Amino acid sequence: MKLKTTKKSKVSLKRGVPVTRYFPFSFCLKGAEMKSNLYLYDGPVYRFERIYTPKWRAYTYATSEKQARSNLTFQFKHQEGLASGTKVTLPGEIKLVLEAKEEN
């Protein structure tokens, strides 16, 4: 399940409420035991080196920050209806919201 934000409805976290309340589900890949972390991006988006959106917020599950940035870029292009070859840059910080638990 992918979370995406739109201009009409945005996911926001309240102070003091555990993140697991908002994201109680776990992410797993079929046939593999792969644990993913939940990442948040909240910042500007550039298209061809010019500001396209001053503030955009989205969440994604990924195993690394590099993969999270790639997922978020894809989400933004899909939401805005941009071609896959469009150069989109997320210059802001990607924050780790929820780290995957290791099972023994």
Protein backbone atom coordinates (compact mmCIF):
# COMPACT_ATOMS: atom_id res chain seq x y z
CA MET A 1 0.00 0.00 0.00
CA LYS A 2 1.44 3.33 -1.03
CA LEU A 3 0.62 6.54 0.75
CA LYS A 4 0.31 9.64 -1.30
CA THR A 5 -0.76 13.13 -0.51
CA THR A 6 -2.83 15.34 -2.71
CA LYS A 7 -3.67 18.99 -2.60
CA LYS A 8 -7.09 18.13 -1.16
CA SER A 9 -6.06 15.71 1.60
CA LYS A 10 -2.73 15.71 3.36
CA VAL A 11 -1.49 13.25 5.96
CA SER A 12 -0.34 15.08 9.07
CA LEU A 13 1.04 13.75 12.31
CA LYS A 14 -0.17 15.10 15.64
CA ARG A 15 2.26 15.70 18.47
CA GLY A 16 2.40 12.99 21.07
CA VAL A 17 0.57 10.42 18.93
CA PRO A 18 2.71 7.42 17.97
CA VAL A 19 3.43 7.07 14.27
CA THR A 20 2.26 3.44 14.43
CA ARG A 21 -1.26 4.72 14.99
CA TYR A 22 -1.18 6.30 11.53
CA PHE A 23 0.75 3.45 9.87
CA PRO A 24 -0.20 0.21 11.67
CA PHE A 25 0.37 -1.98 8.61
CA SER A 26 3.66 -3.62 7.72
CA PHE A 27 5.28 -3.70 4.32
CA CYS A 28 6.51 -6.96 2.87
CA LEU A 29 7.51 -8.18 -0.56
CA LYS A 30 6.09 -11.39 -1.94
CA GLY A 31 8.55 -14.24 -1.45
CA ALA A 32 11.16 -12.19 0.40
CA GLU A 33 11.70 -11.16 3.99
CA MET A 34 12.64 -7.56 3.29
CA LYS A 35 12.12 -4.93 5.96
CA SER A 36 11.51 -1.36 4.85
CA ASN A 37 11.67 1.93 6.67
CA LEU A 38 9.08 4.71 6.43
CA TYR A 39 10.48 7.97 5.04
CA LEU A 40 8.96 11.47 4.87
CA TYR A 41 9.76 14.29 2.47
CA ASP A 42 8.50 17.76 3.25
CA GLY A 43 10.02 20.48 1.10
CA PRO A 44 10.23 22.14 -2.31
CA VAL A 45 10.26 20.37 -5.67
CA TYR A 46 12.31 21.57 -8.62
CA ARG A 47 11.55 20.78 -12.26
CA PHE A 48 14.39 21.45 -14.71
CA GLU A 49 16.28 23.45 -12.04
CA ARG A 50 13.34 25.83 -11.41
CA ILE A 51 10.97 25.73 -8.47
CA TYR A 52 7.79 23.88 -9.41
CA THR A 53 6.15 23.51 -5.99
CA PRO A 54 7.35 25.43 -2.91
CA LYS A 55 6.08 22.79 -0.45
CA TRP A 56 5.22 19.14 -1.04
CA ARG A 57 4.77 16.38 1.52
CA ALA A 58 4.77 12.64 0.88
CA TYR A 59 5.60 9.33 2.58
CA THR A 60 7.17 6.18 1.16
CA TYR A 61 8.54 2.84 2.27
CA ALA A 62 12.09 2.00 1.18
CA THR A 63 15.17 0.11 2.34
CA SER A 64 17.50 3.10 1.94
CA GLU A 65 17.33 6.88 1.68
CA LYS A 66 18.47 6.69 -1.95
CA GLN A 67 15.60 4.36 -2.81
CA ALA A 68 13.18 6.59 -0.87
CA ARG A 69 14.24 9.62 -2.93
CA SER A 70 13.67 7.64 -6.12
CA ASN A 71 10.22 6.48 -4.94
CA LEU A 72 9.22 10.02 -3.96
CA THR A 73 10.36 11.42 -7.31
CA PHE A 74 8.25 8.79 -9.08
CA GLN A 75 5.24 9.60 -6.86
CA PHE A 76 5.51 13.31 -7.65
CA LYS A 77 5.76 12.74 -11.41
CA HIS A 78 2.77 10.38 -11.28
CA GLN A 79 0.64 12.80 -9.22
CA GLU A 80 1.43 15.76 -11.46
CA GLY A 81 1.04 13.78 -14.70
CA LEU A 82 4.61 14.44 -15.81
CA ALA A 83 6.53 12.25 -18.25
CA SER A 84 8.94 9.75 -16.73
CA GLY A 85 11.91 11.47 -18.40
CA THR A 86 11.14 14.84 -16.78
CA LYS A 87 13.95 16.06 -14.55
CA VAL A 88 12.53 16.46 -11.04
CA THR A 89 14.72 17.27 -8.03
CA LEU A 90 13.88 17.00 -4.33
CA PRO A 91 16.52 19.22 -2.68
CA GLY A 92 15.15 18.97 0.85
CA GLU A 93 15.94 16.47 3.58
CA ILE A 94 14.32 13.04 3.59
CA LYS A 95 13.51 12.08 7.19
CA LEU A 96 13.36 8.58 8.60
CA VAL A 97 9.98 8.38 10.36
CA LEU A 98 9.71 4.70 11.28
CA GLU A 99 12.58 2.23 11.27
CA ALA A 100 11.90 -1.41 10.42
CA LYS A 101 12.18 -3.83 13.34
CA GLU A 102 14.59 -6.75 13.12
CA GLU A 103 13.04 -10.07 14.07
CA ASN A 104 15.21 -12.66 15.85
